[in-house]
Amino acid sequence: MSDFVPLDSVDLEILRVLQNDARTTNRDLAAAAGVAPSTCLDRVARLRRAGVIVGHRLQLDPAKLGRGLQALLMVQVRPHRRELIGPFVERVRSLPESRALFHLTGPDDYLVHVAVADPADLQRLVLDEFTSHKEVARVETRLIFQQWDCGPLLPADAG
C-alpha cells in the first residue's frame, strides 16, 4: 500500500503557496489557485485529512535562546531491539536540546541534531542523557559550524 496522495494542479498550487508562507489568507490562497475561497478552504481541509499538510511550525533561532552550539550525535544502540529503541526514541524526543532525530541504516542507529549552550552543556548532555543509559553503546559528536535551509519541496513556479 502506497502513501502517495494524488494531487491535481489546484492542490499543487495551494501547497506551493502555503509552503512558502503558511500564514497566507484563504482569500489570497484561493486567488493564487484560481478557485473560490470556499473551494480553497475545502481543498486545504482535504489535504490536512489526507496527511499531505502535516502542520504549521514557528521557527526559533537557537542562538537567540542561549543555545548557540549545535551538534550532530551519531548514536549506536545495543542491542538494537524494539523494547529498547522505543523508550530511547521517546526519551531523546523529550529532551529540550533535541532538534531532530533520524533512525538510520549503517553502523550508527540514530542521528540526533541537538542545540546546547556551550561545549560544557554538550558534554553534560552526552554523558547524562546518552552514554549513561545502558542501551547506548557509542556516541560520536560532530559540531555544526553553519546551517542552511534548503529549498521548498515543490518548486516555486507553477510551470
Protein backbone atom coordinates (compact mmCIF):
# COMPACT_ATOMS: atom_id res chain seq x y z
CA MET A 1 0.00 0.00 0.00
CA SER A 2 1.35 3.38 -1.02
CA ASP A 3 1.21 6.60 0.99
CA PHE A 4 1.02 8.57 -2.27
CA VAL A 5 -1.88 11.03 -2.44
CA PRO A 6 -2.98 12.04 -5.97
CA LEU A 7 -2.92 15.81 -6.37
CA ASP A 8 -4.20 17.98 -9.18
CA SER A 9 -2.83 21.34 -10.32
CA VAL A 10 -5.05 23.28 -7.86
CA ASP A 11 -3.80 21.18 -4.93
CA LEU A 12 -0.21 21.67 -6.03
CA GLU A 13 -0.66 25.44 -6.34
CA ILE A 14 -2.21 25.62 -2.85
CA LEU A 15 0.74 23.65 -1.47
CA ARG A 16 3.31 25.79 -3.34
CA VAL A 17 1.88 28.97 -1.83
CA LEU A 18 1.47 27.59 1.71
CA GLN A 19 4.94 26.06 1.89
CA ASN A 20 6.43 29.50 1.27
CA ASP A 21 4.05 31.36 3.60
CA ALA A 22 1.80 29.27 5.84
CA ARG A 23 0.13 32.49 7.02
CA THR A 24 -1.35 33.25 3.58
CA THR A 25 -5.00 34.13 3.98
CA ASN A 26 -7.59 31.82 2.47
CA ARG A 27 -8.74 34.65 0.18
CA ASP A 28 -5.19 35.18 -1.19
CA LEU A 29 -4.63 31.43 -1.42
CA ALA A 30 -7.86 30.97 -3.39
CA ALA A 31 -6.87 33.78 -5.75
CA ALA A 32 -3.45 32.24 -6.35
CA ALA A 33 -5.00 28.82 -7.01
CA GLY A 34 -7.77 30.27 -9.21
CA VAL A 35 -10.66 28.87 -7.17
CA ALA A 36 -13.41 30.26 -4.95
CA PRO A 37 -12.48 30.79 -1.27
CA SER A 38 -14.96 28.10 -0.15
CA THR A 39 -13.42 25.62 -2.60
CA CYS A 40 -9.96 26.54 -1.37
CA LEU A 41 -10.98 26.01 2.25
CA ASP A 42 -12.39 22.58 1.37
CA ARG A 43 -9.20 21.68 -0.53
CA VAL A 44 -6.95 22.66 2.37
CA ALA A 45 -9.10 20.66 4.79
CA ARG A 46 -8.89 17.62 2.48
CA LEU A 47 -5.10 18.00 2.21
CA ARG A 48 -4.89 18.06 6.03
CA ARG A 49 -7.10 14.97 6.40
CA ALA A 50 -5.03 13.12 3.80
CA GLY A 51 -1.86 13.93 5.74
CA VAL A 52 -0.28 15.99 2.95
CA ILE A 53 -0.30 19.10 5.16
CA VAL A 54 1.09 17.92 8.49
CA GLY A 55 1.18 21.14 10.49
CA HIS A 56 2.45 24.67 10.87
CA ARG A 57 5.69 25.49 12.57
CA LEU A 58 7.19 28.55 14.15
CA GLN A 59 10.97 28.52 13.77
CA LEU A 60 13.09 29.86 16.60
CA ASP A 61 16.75 30.83 16.45
CA PRO A 62 18.52 28.58 19.00
CA ALA A 63 21.38 31.08 19.43
CA LYS A 64 18.95 33.84 20.44
CA LEU A 65 17.64 31.46 23.13
CA GLY A 66 21.09 30.75 24.57
CA ARG A 67 21.70 27.57 22.59
CA GLY A 68 24.28 28.76 20.09
CA LEU A 69 26.18 25.48 19.79
CA GLN A 70 24.61 22.84 17.57
CA ALA A 71 25.88 19.32 17.04
CA LEU A 72 25.05 16.02 15.42
CA LEU A 73 25.27 12.95 17.62
CA MET A 74 25.71 9.58 15.93
CA VAL A 75 24.34 7.02 18.38
CA GLN A 76 24.69 3.26 18.34
CA VAL A 77 22.12 1.35 20.41
CA ARG A 78 22.92 -2.23 21.50
CA PRO A 79 21.12 -4.49 21.34
CA HIS A 80 19.03 -2.90 18.62
CA ARG A 81 15.65 -4.31 19.71
CA ARG A 82 12.18 -2.74 19.76
CA GLU A 83 11.81 -2.95 23.53
CA LEU A 84 14.91 -0.74 23.87
CA ILE A 85 14.60 1.59 20.91
CA GLY A 86 11.01 2.66 21.64
CA PRO A 87 11.87 4.13 25.05
CA PHE A 88 15.16 5.50 23.67
CA VAL A 89 13.35 7.37 20.90
CA GLU A 90 10.77 8.82 23.29
CA ARG A 91 13.44 9.90 25.78
CA VAL A 92 15.52 11.64 23.07
CA ARG A 93 12.43 13.32 21.60
CA SER A 94 11.53 14.67 25.03
CA LEU A 95 14.90 16.37 25.58
CA PRO A 96 14.64 20.15 25.12
CA GLU A 97 18.05 20.10 23.40
CA SER A 98 16.85 17.71 20.66
CA ARG A 99 16.04 19.40 17.36
CA ALA A 100 15.63 16.33 15.11
CA LEU A 101 16.04 12.57 15.37
CA PHE A 102 16.71 10.18 12.49
CA HIS A 103 16.72 6.35 12.52
CA LEU A 104 19.48 5.22 10.14
CA THR A 105 20.96 2.26 8.34
CA GLY A 106 24.68 1.58 8.63
CA PRO A 107 26.99 1.50 11.65
CA ASP A 108 25.08 4.22 13.52
CA ASP A 109 21.48 3.61 14.50
CA TYR A 110 20.44 7.21 15.16
CA LEU A 111 21.46 10.72 14.21
CA VAL A 112 20.37 13.36 16.73
CA HIS A 113 20.55 17.08 15.97
CA VAL A 114 20.94 18.99 19.23
CA ALA A 115 21.26 22.65 20.27
CA VAL A 116 23.07 23.46 23.51
CA ALA A 117 24.55 26.48 25.27
CA ASP A 118 28.25 25.63 25.05
CA PRO A 119 30.76 22.74 24.99
CA ALA A 120 30.24 22.02 28.71
CA ASP A 121 26.48 21.74 28.12
CA LEU A 122 27.11 19.39 25.18
CA GLN A 123 29.35 17.24 27.37
CA ARG A 124 26.67 17.13 30.08
CA LEU A 125 24.05 16.14 27.52
CA VAL A 126 26.16 13.34 26.04
CA LEU A 127 27.22 11.94 29.42
CA ASP A 128 23.97 12.35 31.35
CA GLU A 129 21.33 11.76 28.67
CA PHE A 130 23.04 9.35 26.28
CA THR A 131 26.04 7.34 27.45
CA SER A 132 24.64 6.91 30.98
CA HIS A 133 21.94 4.65 29.52
CA LYS A 134 22.99 1.02 29.17
CA GLU A 135 21.46 0.55 25.71
CA VAL A 136 23.68 3.31 24.26
CA ALA A 137 26.84 1.56 23.06
CA ARG A 138 28.54 4.54 21.42
CA VAL A 139 28.09 8.24 20.71
CA GLU A 140 30.13 10.24 18.20
CA THR A 141 29.75 14.01 18.15
CA ARG A 142 30.14 16.43 15.24
CA LEU A 143 29.83 20.18 15.76
CA ILE A 144 27.80 22.17 13.26
CA PHE A 145 29.66 25.25 12.09
CA GLN A 146 26.92 26.59 9.86
CA GLN A 147 23.48 25.50 8.66
CA TRP A 148 21.43 26.45 5.61
CA ASP A 149 17.78 25.77 4.94
CA CYS A 150 17.21 24.17 1.58
CA GLY A 151 14.56 24.94 -0.98
CA PRO A 152 10.89 24.09 -0.80
CA LEU A 153 9.66 20.58 -1.58
CA LEU A 154 7.65 21.89 -4.52
CA PRO A 155 9.22 24.33 -6.99
CA ALA A 156 8.17 27.95 -6.54
CA ASP A 157 6.90 28.30 -10.12
CA ALA A 158 3.72 26.59 -11.25
CA GLY A 159 5.21 25.58 -14.60
